[in-house]
Protein backbone atom coordinates (compact mmCIF):
# COMPACT_ATOMS: atom_id res chain seq x y z
CA MET A 1 -2.81 54.48 -29.70
CA HIS A 2 0.59 52.76 -29.91
CA LEU A 3 3.72 54.65 -30.89
CA ARG A 4 6.52 52.82 -32.59
CA PRO A 5 10.00 53.91 -31.59
CA ALA A 6 12.51 54.83 -34.25
CA PRO A 7 14.82 52.01 -35.32
CA PRO A 8 18.19 51.95 -33.53
CA ARG A 9 21.04 53.90 -35.05
CA ARG A 10 24.00 52.16 -36.58
CA LEU A 11 26.98 51.87 -34.23
CA PRO A 12 30.30 53.37 -35.33
CA ALA A 13 32.97 51.02 -36.60
CA GLN A 14 35.50 49.81 -34.03
CA ASP A 15 39.23 50.16 -34.47
CA PRO A 16 40.86 47.05 -32.93
CA GLY A 17 44.29 48.68 -32.83
CA ARG A 18 43.08 51.67 -30.84
CA LEU A 19 41.09 49.40 -28.52
CA ASP A 20 44.20 47.32 -27.82
CA ASP A 21 46.25 50.46 -27.12
CA ALA A 22 43.59 51.80 -24.75
CA GLU A 23 43.40 48.46 -22.90
CA ARG A 24 47.19 48.31 -22.62
CA SER A 25 47.43 51.81 -21.16
CA ALA A 26 44.53 51.13 -18.77
CA ARG A 27 46.25 47.94 -17.58
CA THR A 28 49.49 49.88 -16.99
CA VAL A 29 47.67 52.47 -14.90
CA THR A 30 45.86 49.77 -12.94
CA TYR A 31 49.09 47.91 -12.17
CA GLY A 32 50.79 51.17 -11.18
CA VAL A 33 48.02 52.12 -8.77
CA GLY A 34 48.03 48.60 -7.34
CA LEU A 35 51.78 48.64 -6.77
CA ILE A 36 51.63 52.01 -5.02
CA ALA A 37 48.70 50.91 -2.85
CA GLY A 38 50.52 47.68 -1.96
CA ALA A 39 53.68 49.56 -1.02
CA VAL A 40 51.74 51.98 1.19
CA ALA A 41 49.91 49.08 2.85
CA LEU A 42 53.20 47.27 3.47
CA VAL A 43 54.74 50.35 5.07
CA LEU A 44 51.68 50.87 7.27
CA ILE A 45 51.68 47.24 8.38
CA CYS A 46 55.38 47.44 9.23
CA LEU A 47 54.82 50.63 11.22
CA LEU A 48 51.88 49.16 13.11
CA CYS A 49 53.73 45.95 13.90
CA SER A 50 56.81 47.84 15.09
CA ARG A 51 54.59 49.89 17.43
CA LEU A 52 53.16 46.70 18.91
CA VAL A 53 56.58 45.09 19.42
CA PHE A 54 58.36 48.11 20.92
């Protein structure tokens, strides 16, 4: 006996304006986190190098 699955449901309509806004805010958060991580890494590298020199 073979069962046939139900046909797939229809996907909701997409709102391009909302998608663009969500992508823009996600990009801003990503850049912010990257800048903070880069600044912390730079400070740590400077501290480690100063310990080695002095």
